[in-house]
Amino acid sequence: MTDRSRNVPTLERLVGYNLKRAYMVVQGDYRAALGDGALAPRVFSALTLVVEFPQISQSDLARRLGIERSGLVAIVGELEERGLLERADVPGDKRVQALVATPEGTRACNDAMARVQAHEDRLLGMLTEAERATLIALLAKIRQAEDVQAG
């Protein structure tokens, strides 16, 4: 052990601890950047996917978000109440309803995305593009562990 590593608390060497602390910083800055009444991160994520994948089913949306379908009910409800998405019938399958962004939903998504991009650019400005790409790739690898455990 080097002198430096002896002075670093054990907690600081844990990935989970550092991920949580980093998330707290990102989440706090996200809320400050988007302001009061803004879409919560999970609601923003859902709206973004509905805009990017028109006619997405709730099951597919839940899968892409990595949450239980039952956990999506409140998110979809909030987006509907705000007038940001609507449910649409899926031709040929009466059991499934698709989610479609309203024009207001698309505008809200684009506005929020611009703010989120600015927030990330400001918050991660100390990283080079290569470091940022590496960080995203490493986080994606961690997320893939969920697929391995499920399969």
N, C-alpha and C. Protein backbone atom coordinates (compact mmCIF):
# COMPACT_ATOMS: atom_id res chain seq x y z
N MET A 1 0.83 -1.18 0.00
CA MET A 1 0.00 0.00 0.00
C MET A 1 0.88 1.25 0.00
N THR A 2 0.49 2.21 -0.82
CA THR A 2 1.25 3.45 -0.84
C THR A 2 0.78 4.35 0.30
N ASP A 3 1.58 5.38 0.58
CA ASP A 3 1.17 6.32 1.62
C ASP A 3 -0.16 6.96 1.28
N ARG A 4 -0.35 7.27 0.00
CA ARG A 4 -1.59 7.91 -0.45
C ARG A 4 -2.80 7.01 -0.21
N SER A 5 -2.70 5.72 -0.56
CA SER A 5 -3.85 4.82 -0.41
C SER A 5 -4.17 4.57 1.07
N ARG A 6 -3.17 4.69 1.94
CA ARG A 6 -3.44 4.54 3.37
C ARG A 6 -4.25 5.70 3.92
N ASN A 7 -4.13 6.87 3.29
CA ASN A 7 -4.85 8.05 3.75
C ASN A 7 -6.26 8.15 3.16
N VAL A 8 -6.60 7.28 2.22
CA VAL A 8 -7.92 7.29 1.61
C VAL A 8 -8.81 6.33 2.41
N PRO A 9 -9.91 6.83 2.94
CA PRO A 9 -10.81 5.94 3.69
C PRO A 9 -11.27 4.77 2.82
N THR A 10 -11.48 3.63 3.42
CA THR A 10 -11.93 2.44 2.72
C THR A 10 -13.19 2.73 1.92
N LEU A 11 -14.08 3.48 2.49
CA LEU A 11 -15.33 3.83 1.84
C LEU A 11 -15.11 4.49 0.48
N GLU A 12 -14.08 5.32 0.40
CA GLU A 12 -13.76 6.03 -0.85
C GLU A 12 -13.29 5.09 -1.95
N ARG A 13 -12.93 3.88 -1.59
CA ARG A 13 -12.45 2.91 -2.58
C ARG A 13 -13.56 1.99 -3.07
N LEU A 14 -14.78 2.20 -2.59
CA LEU A 14 -15.92 1.38 -3.00
C LEU A 14 -16.64 2.03 -4.17
N VAL A 15 -16.89 1.24 -5.20
CA VAL A 15 -17.57 1.75 -6.40
C VAL A 15 -18.97 2.24 -6.05
N GLY A 16 -19.72 1.43 -5.31
CA GLY A 16 -21.09 1.80 -4.98
C GLY A 16 -21.18 3.13 -4.24
N TYR A 17 -20.29 3.33 -3.30
CA TYR A 17 -20.26 4.58 -2.55
C TYR A 17 -20.01 5.76 -3.49
N ASN A 18 -19.02 5.61 -4.36
CA ASN A 18 -18.69 6.70 -5.29
C ASN A 18 -19.80 6.93 -6.30
N LEU A 19 -20.47 5.87 -6.77
CA LEU A 19 -21.60 6.04 -7.68
C LEU A 19 -22.73 6.82 -7.00
N LYS A 20 -23.04 6.45 -5.77
CA LYS A 20 -24.11 7.13 -5.04
C LYS A 20 -23.78 8.60 -4.81
N ARG A 21 -22.56 8.88 -4.39
CA ARG A 21 -22.16 10.27 -4.16
C ARG A 21 -22.20 11.08 -5.46
N ALA A 22 -21.73 10.47 -6.55
CA ALA A 22 -21.76 11.15 -7.85
C ALA A 22 -23.21 11.38 -8.27
N TYR A 23 -24.07 10.39 -8.06
CA TYR A 23 -25.48 10.54 -8.41
C TYR A 23 -26.12 11.68 -7.64
N MET A 24 -25.78 11.83 -6.38
CA MET A 24 -26.33 12.92 -5.57
C MET A 24 -25.94 14.27 -6.16
N VAL A 25 -24.71 14.41 -6.62
CA VAL A 25 -24.25 15.65 -7.24
C VAL A 25 -25.02 15.89 -8.54
N VAL A 26 -25.11 14.86 -9.38
CA VAL A 26 -25.80 14.99 -10.67
C VAL A 26 -27.28 15.32 -10.45
N GLN A 27 -27.93 14.62 -9.54
CA GLN A 27 -29.35 14.84 -9.28
C GLN A 27 -29.61 16.25 -8.75
N GLY A 28 -28.79 16.71 -7.83
CA GLY A 28 -28.97 18.06 -7.29
C GLY A 28 -28.81 19.12 -8.36
N ASP A 29 -27.81 18.97 -9.21
CA ASP A 29 -27.60 19.93 -10.28
C ASP A 29 -28.70 19.84 -11.32
N TYR A 30 -29.20 18.64 -11.59
CA TYR A 30 -30.31 18.44 -12.53
C TYR A 30 -31.52 19.25 -12.06
N ARG A 31 -31.86 19.08 -10.80
CA ARG A 31 -33.03 19.79 -10.26
C ARG A 31 -32.84 21.31 -10.31
N ALA A 32 -31.65 21.77 -10.02
CA ALA A 32 -31.37 23.21 -10.08
C ALA A 32 -31.43 23.72 -11.53
N ALA A 33 -30.93 22.93 -12.46
CA ALA A 33 -30.89 23.35 -13.86
C ALA A 33 -32.28 23.38 -14.49
N LEU A 34 -33.14 22.45 -14.10
CA LEU A 34 -34.46 22.40 -14.71
C LEU A 34 -35.50 23.23 -13.97
N GLY A 35 -35.25 23.53 -12.71
CA GLY A 35 -36.13 24.42 -11.96
C GLY A 35 -37.35 23.74 -11.37
N ASP A 36 -38.11 24.54 -10.62
CA ASP A 36 -39.32 24.05 -9.97
C ASP A 36 -40.34 23.61 -11.01
N GLY A 37 -41.05 22.55 -10.71
CA GLY A 37 -42.08 22.06 -11.61
C GLY A 37 -41.54 21.29 -12.80
N ALA A 38 -40.24 21.08 -12.82
CA ALA A 38 -39.62 20.35 -13.93
C ALA A 38 -39.95 18.87 -13.84
N LEU A 39 -39.72 18.20 -14.93
CA LEU A 39 -39.91 16.76 -14.96
C LEU A 39 -38.85 16.09 -14.10
N ALA A 40 -39.28 15.19 -13.23
CA ALA A 40 -38.33 14.40 -12.45
C ALA A 40 -37.51 13.56 -13.43
N PRO A 41 -36.30 13.15 -13.06
CA PRO A 41 -35.46 12.39 -13.98
C PRO A 41 -36.15 11.18 -14.61
N ARG A 42 -36.88 10.40 -13.84
CA ARG A 42 -37.52 9.22 -14.42
C ARG A 42 -38.67 9.58 -15.35
N VAL A 43 -39.36 10.68 -15.07
CA VAL A 43 -40.44 11.15 -15.95
C VAL A 43 -39.83 11.71 -17.24
N PHE A 44 -38.74 12.45 -17.10
CA PHE A 44 -38.01 12.96 -18.27
C PHE A 44 -37.54 11.80 -19.14
N SER A 45 -37.00 10.76 -18.52
CA SER A 45 -36.52 9.59 -19.26
C SER A 45 -37.65 8.93 -20.03
N ALA A 46 -38.79 8.76 -19.38
CA ALA A 46 -39.94 8.13 -20.04
C ALA A 46 -40.41 8.97 -21.22
N LEU A 47 -40.54 10.28 -21.02
CA LEU A 47 -40.99 11.16 -22.10
C LEU A 47 -40.02 11.12 -23.27
N THR A 48 -38.73 11.13 -22.98
CA THR A 48 -37.72 11.08 -24.03
C THR A 48 -37.89 9.83 -24.89
N LEU A 49 -38.11 8.69 -24.25
CA LEU A 49 -38.29 7.44 -25.00
C LEU A 49 -39.59 7.44 -25.79
N VAL A 50 -40.65 8.03 -25.25
CA VAL A 50 -41.92 8.11 -25.99
C VAL A 50 -41.75 8.99 -27.22
N VAL A 51 -41.00 10.08 -27.09
CA VAL A 51 -40.75 10.96 -28.25
C VAL A 51 -39.87 10.23 -29.27
N GLU A 52 -38.84 9.55 -28.82
CA GLU A 52 -37.91 8.87 -29.74
C GLU A 52 -38.51 7.61 -30.37
N PHE A 53 -39.44 6.97 -29.68
CA PHE A 53 -40.05 5.74 -30.18
C PHE A 53 -41.57 5.89 -30.19
N PRO A 54 -42.09 6.64 -31.16
CA PRO A 54 -43.55 6.83 -31.24
C PRO A 54 -44.27 5.48 -31.28
N GLN A 55 -45.39 5.41 -30.63
CA GLN A 55 -46.22 4.20 -30.57
C GLN A 55 -45.60 3.11 -29.69
N ILE A 56 -44.71 3.48 -28.79
CA ILE A 56 -44.09 2.50 -27.89
C ILE A 56 -45.16 1.98 -26.92
N SER A 57 -45.12 0.71 -26.62
CA SER A 57 -46.06 0.15 -25.65
C SER A 57 -45.54 0.41 -24.24
N GLN A 58 -46.46 0.33 -23.27
CA GLN A 58 -46.04 0.53 -21.89
C GLN A 58 -45.06 -0.56 -21.46
N SER A 59 -45.28 -1.78 -21.94
CA SER A 59 -44.37 -2.87 -21.58
C SER A 59 -42.97 -2.61 -22.12
N ASP A 60 -42.89 -2.15 -23.36
CA ASP A 60 -41.57 -1.88 -23.95
C ASP A 60 -40.91 -0.69 -23.24
N LEU A 61 -41.71 0.31 -22.92
CA LEU A 61 -41.17 1.48 -22.21
C LEU A 61 -40.62 1.06 -20.85
N ALA A 62 -41.37 0.26 -20.12
CA ALA A 62 -40.91 -0.22 -18.81
C ALA A 62 -39.61 -1.01 -18.95
N ARG A 63 -39.54 -1.86 -19.98
CA ARG A 63 -38.33 -2.66 -20.21
C ARG A 63 -37.14 -1.76 -20.50
N ARG A 64 -37.33 -0.77 -21.36
CA ARG A 64 -36.24 0.14 -21.71
C ARG A 64 -35.77 0.96 -20.51
N LEU A 65 -36.70 1.29 -19.61
CA LEU A 65 -36.35 2.06 -18.41
C LEU A 65 -35.80 1.17 -17.30
N GLY A 66 -35.97 -0.14 -17.44
CA GLY A 66 -35.49 -1.06 -16.42
C GLY A 66 -36.32 -1.04 -15.15
N ILE A 67 -37.64 -0.80 -15.32
CA ILE A 67 -38.54 -0.79 -14.16
C ILE A 67 -39.70 -1.74 -14.41
N GLU A 68 -40.38 -2.10 -13.33
CA GLU A 68 -41.57 -2.93 -13.45
C GLU A 68 -42.67 -2.15 -14.15
N ARG A 69 -43.49 -2.87 -14.91
CA ARG A 69 -44.58 -2.21 -15.62
C ARG A 69 -45.51 -1.48 -14.64
N SER A 70 -45.72 -2.08 -13.46
CA SER A 70 -46.58 -1.44 -12.46
C SER A 70 -45.98 -0.12 -11.98
N GLY A 71 -44.65 -0.02 -11.98
CA GLY A 71 -43.99 1.22 -11.57
C GLY A 71 -44.12 2.33 -12.59
N LEU A 72 -44.51 1.95 -13.80
CA LEU A 72 -44.65 2.93 -14.88
C LEU A 72 -45.99 3.66 -14.83
N VAL A 73 -46.95 3.07 -14.13
CA VAL A 73 -48.31 3.62 -14.11
C VAL A 73 -48.31 5.07 -13.64
N ALA A 74 -47.64 5.37 -12.56
CA ALA A 74 -47.62 6.75 -12.03
C ALA A 74 -46.92 7.70 -13.00
N ILE A 75 -45.85 7.23 -13.65
CA ILE A 75 -45.11 8.07 -14.58
C ILE A 75 -45.99 8.43 -15.78
N VAL A 76 -46.64 7.41 -16.36
CA VAL A 76 -47.52 7.65 -17.50
C VAL A 76 -48.68 8.55 -17.08
N GLY A 77 -49.20 8.31 -15.88
CA GLY A 77 -50.29 9.15 -15.37
C GLY A 77 -49.88 10.61 -15.26
N GLU A 78 -48.69 10.86 -14.75
CA GLU A 78 -48.21 12.24 -14.64
C GLU A 78 -48.06 12.89 -16.01
N LEU A 79 -47.49 12.15 -16.95
CA LEU A 79 -47.31 12.69 -18.30
C LEU A 79 -48.65 12.96 -18.98
N GLU A 80 -49.63 12.10 -18.73
CA GLU A 80 -50.97 12.33 -19.28
C GLU A 80 -51.62 13.56 -18.65
N GLU A 81 -51.52 13.67 -17.32
CA GLU A 81 -52.10 14.81 -16.61
C GLU A 81 -51.51 16.13 -17.09
N ARG A 82 -50.24 16.13 -17.41
CA ARG A 82 -49.58 17.33 -17.90
C ARG A 82 -49.87 17.60 -19.38
N GLY A 83 -50.57 16.66 -20.02
CA GLY A 83 -50.89 16.81 -21.43
C GLY A 83 -49.70 16.57 -22.35
N LEU A 84 -48.74 15.78 -21.88
CA LEU A 84 -47.52 15.55 -22.64
C LEU A 84 -47.53 14.25 -23.45
N LEU A 85 -48.45 13.36 -23.10
CA LEU A 85 -48.60 12.14 -23.90
C LEU A 85 -50.04 11.68 -23.87
N GLU A 86 -50.35 10.84 -24.86
CA GLU A 86 -51.67 10.25 -24.99
C GLU A 86 -51.50 8.76 -25.25
N ARG A 87 -52.56 8.02 -24.95
CA ARG A 87 -52.58 6.60 -25.29
C ARG A 87 -53.28 6.47 -26.64
N ALA A 88 -52.81 5.53 -27.45
CA ALA A 88 -53.41 5.29 -28.75
C ALA A 88 -53.60 3.78 -28.94
N ASP A 89 -54.66 3.43 -29.64
CA ASP A 89 -54.89 2.01 -29.94
C ASP A 89 -53.84 1.51 -30.90
N VAL A 90 -53.49 0.24 -30.73
CA VAL A 90 -52.55 -0.41 -31.63
C VAL A 90 -53.38 -1.25 -32.61
N PRO A 91 -53.32 -0.92 -33.89
CA PRO A 91 -54.10 -1.70 -34.86
C PRO A 91 -53.75 -3.18 -34.79
N GLY A 92 -54.77 -4.01 -34.72
CA GLY A 92 -54.55 -5.45 -34.71
C GLY A 92 -54.35 -6.05 -33.34
N ASP A 93 -54.27 -5.23 -32.28
CA ASP A 93 -54.08 -5.77 -30.93
C ASP A 93 -54.82 -4.89 -29.93
N LYS A 94 -56.01 -5.30 -29.59
CA LYS A 94 -56.86 -4.51 -28.68
C LYS A 94 -56.34 -4.53 -27.24
N ARG A 95 -55.45 -5.46 -26.92
CA ARG A 95 -54.94 -5.57 -25.54
C ARG A 95 -53.86 -4.55 -25.24
N VAL A 96 -53.24 -3.99 -26.28
CA VAL A 96 -52.09 -3.11 -26.10
C VAL A 96 -52.45 -1.68 -26.50
N GLN A 97 -51.98 -0.76 -25.71
CA GLN A 97 -52.10 0.65 -26.07
C GLN A 97 -50.71 1.22 -26.25
N ALA A 98 -50.58 2.04 -27.27
CA ALA A 98 -49.30 2.68 -27.52
C ALA A 98 -49.29 4.04 -26.84
N LEU A 99 -48.11 4.52 -26.56
CA LEU A 99 -47.94 5.85 -25.98
C LEU A 99 -47.39 6.76 -27.06
N VAL A 100 -48.00 7.95 -27.15
CA VAL A 100 -47.62 8.91 -28.18
C VAL A 100 -47.47 10.28 -27.53
N ALA A 101 -46.38 10.95 -27.82
CA ALA A 101 -46.18 12.30 -27.29
C ALA A 101 -47.12 13.26 -28.02
N THR A 102 -47.68 14.18 -27.25
CA THR A 102 -48.46 15.26 -27.85
C THR A 102 -47.48 16.31 -28.39
N PRO A 103 -47.96 17.24 -29.21
CA PRO A 103 -47.05 18.31 -29.65
C PRO A 103 -46.43 19.05 -28.45
N GLU A 104 -47.22 19.27 -27.42
CA GLU A 104 -46.69 19.91 -26.21
C GLU A 104 -45.65 19.02 -25.53
N GLY A 105 -45.88 17.72 -25.57
CA GLY A 105 -44.92 16.77 -25.00
C GLY A 105 -43.59 16.80 -25.74
N THR A 106 -43.66 16.89 -27.05
CA THR A 106 -42.43 16.96 -27.85
C THR A 106 -41.69 18.25 -27.55
N ARG A 107 -42.42 19.36 -27.44
CA ARG A 107 -41.77 20.64 -27.10
C ARG A 107 -41.15 20.57 -25.71
N ALA A 108 -41.89 20.03 -24.75
CA ALA A 108 -41.38 19.92 -23.37
C ALA A 108 -40.14 19.03 -23.33
N CYS A 109 -40.16 17.96 -24.10
CA CYS A 109 -39.01 17.05 -24.15
C CYS A 109 -37.79 17.76 -24.73
N ASN A 110 -37.99 18.47 -25.84
CA ASN A 110 -36.88 19.17 -26.48
C ASN A 110 -36.30 20.25 -25.56
N ASP A 111 -37.18 20.97 -24.87
CA ASP A 111 -36.72 22.01 -23.93
C ASP A 111 -35.94 21.38 -22.77
N ALA A 112 -36.51 20.31 -22.20
CA ALA A 112 -35.83 19.65 -21.08
C ALA A 112 -34.50 19.04 -21.53
N MET A 113 -34.48 18.47 -22.74
CA MET A 113 -33.23 17.87 -23.23
C MET A 113 -32.14 18.92 -23.38
N ALA A 114 -32.51 20.10 -23.88
CA ALA A 114 -31.52 21.18 -24.01
C ALA A 114 -30.98 21.58 -22.64
N ARG A 115 -31.85 21.65 -21.65
CA ARG A 115 -31.42 22.00 -20.30
C ARG A 115 -30.56 20.90 -19.68
N VAL A 116 -30.95 19.65 -19.91
CA VAL A 116 -30.18 18.53 -19.36
C VAL A 116 -28.80 18.48 -20.02
N GLN A 117 -28.74 18.70 -21.34
CA GLN A 117 -27.44 18.72 -22.02
C GLN A 117 -26.55 19.83 -21.45
N ALA A 118 -27.14 21.01 -21.24
CA ALA A 118 -26.37 22.12 -20.68
C ALA A 118 -25.90 21.78 -19.26
N HIS A 119 -26.78 21.17 -18.48
CA HIS A 119 -26.43 20.76 -17.11
C HIS A 119 -25.28 19.76 -17.14
N GLU A 120 -25.35 18.76 -18.03
CA GLU A 120 -24.27 17.77 -18.10
C GLU A 120 -22.97 18.39 -18.62
N ASP A 121 -23.09 19.27 -19.60
CA ASP A 121 -21.88 19.93 -20.12
C ASP A 121 -21.19 20.74 -19.03
N ARG A 122 -21.98 21.44 -18.22
CA ARG A 122 -21.42 22.25 -17.14
C ARG A 122 -20.84 21.35 -16.04
N LEU A 123 -21.60 20.35 -15.66
CA LEU A 123 -21.20 19.48 -14.56
C LEU A 123 -20.00 18.61 -14.93
N LEU A 124 -19.94 18.17 -16.17
CA LEU A 124 -18.88 17.26 -16.59
C LEU A 124 -17.82 17.96 -17.44
N GLY A 125 -17.79 19.27 -17.35
CA GLY A 125 -16.86 20.06 -18.15
C GLY A 125 -15.40 19.74 -17.89
N MET A 126 -15.10 19.14 -16.74
CA MET A 126 -13.70 18.82 -16.45
C MET A 126 -13.25 17.55 -17.14
N LEU A 127 -14.19 16.82 -17.76
CA LEU A 127 -13.85 15.59 -18.48
C LEU A 127 -13.63 15.88 -19.96
N THR A 128 -12.68 15.19 -20.53
CA THR A 128 -12.50 15.28 -21.99
C THR A 128 -13.63 14.48 -22.64
N GLU A 129 -13.81 14.65 -23.94
CA GLU A 129 -14.83 13.86 -24.65
C GLU A 129 -14.54 12.37 -24.52
N ALA A 130 -13.26 12.01 -24.59
CA ALA A 130 -12.88 10.59 -24.45
C ALA A 130 -13.21 10.07 -23.05
N GLU A 131 -12.94 10.86 -22.03
CA GLU A 131 -13.26 10.44 -20.66
C GLU A 131 -14.76 10.30 -20.47
N ARG A 132 -15.51 11.22 -21.04
CA ARG A 132 -16.97 11.16 -20.94
C ARG A 132 -17.50 9.91 -21.63
N ALA A 133 -16.97 9.61 -22.81
CA ALA A 133 -17.37 8.40 -23.53
C ALA A 133 -17.00 7.15 -22.74
N THR A 134 -15.84 7.16 -22.10
CA THR A 134 -15.41 6.03 -21.28
C THR A 134 -16.33 5.88 -20.07
N LEU A 135 -16.68 6.98 -19.43
CA LEU A 135 -17.58 6.93 -18.29
C LEU A 135 -18.93 6.33 -18.68
N ILE A 136 -19.48 6.77 -19.79
CA ILE A 136 -20.77 6.24 -20.26
C ILE A 136 -20.63 4.76 -20.57
N ALA A 137 -19.54 4.37 -21.22
CA ALA A 137 -19.33 2.96 -21.55
C ALA A 137 -19.20 2.10 -20.29
N LEU A 138 -18.49 2.60 -19.30
CA LEU A 138 -18.33 1.84 -18.05
C LEU A 138 -19.66 1.73 -17.30
N LEU A 139 -20.42 2.79 -17.26
CA LEU A 139 -21.73 2.74 -16.61
C LEU A 139 -22.66 1.78 -17.36
N ALA A 140 -22.59 1.77 -18.68
CA ALA A 140 -23.40 0.84 -19.47
C ALA A 140 -23.01 -0.60 -19.16
N LYS A 141 -21.72 -0.85 -18.96
CA LYS A 141 -21.27 -2.20 -18.59
C LYS A 141 -21.87 -2.63 -17.26
N ILE A 142 -21.91 -1.71 -16.33
CA ILE A 142 -22.50 -2.02 -15.02
C ILE A 142 -23.98 -2.32 -15.19
N ARG A 143 -24.66 -1.53 -16.02
CA ARG A 143 -26.09 -1.76 -16.27
C ARG A 143 -26.32 -3.13 -16.90
N GLN A 144 -25.38 -3.60 -17.71
CA GLN A 144 -25.53 -4.90 -18.37
C GLN A 144 -25.49 -6.04 -17.36
N ALA A 145 -24.95 -5.81 -16.20
CA ALA A 145 -24.94 -6.84 -15.16
C ALA A 145 -26.36 -7.26 -14.81
N GLU A 146 -27.30 -6.34 -14.91
CA GLU A 146 -28.71 -6.64 -14.65
C GLU A 146 -29.22 -7.66 -15.66
N ASP A 147 -28.83 -7.53 -16.93
CA ASP A 147 -29.23 -8.47 -17.97
C ASP A 147 -28.65 -9.85 -17.71
N VAL A 148 -27.41 -9.90 -17.26
CA VAL A 148 -26.74 -11.17 -16.98
C VAL A 148 -27.44 -11.88 -15.82
N GLN A 149 -27.77 -11.12 -14.78
CA GLN A 149 -28.42 -11.70 -13.60
C GLN A 149 -29.83 -12.18 -13.93
N ALA A 150 -30.54 -11.46 -14.83
CA ALA A 150 -31.90 -11.83 -15.20
C ALA A 150 -31.92 -13.05 -16.11
N GLY A 151 -30.86 -13.21 -16.92
CA GLY A 151 -30.83 -14.29 -17.92
C GLY A 151 -30.26 -15.50 -17.37
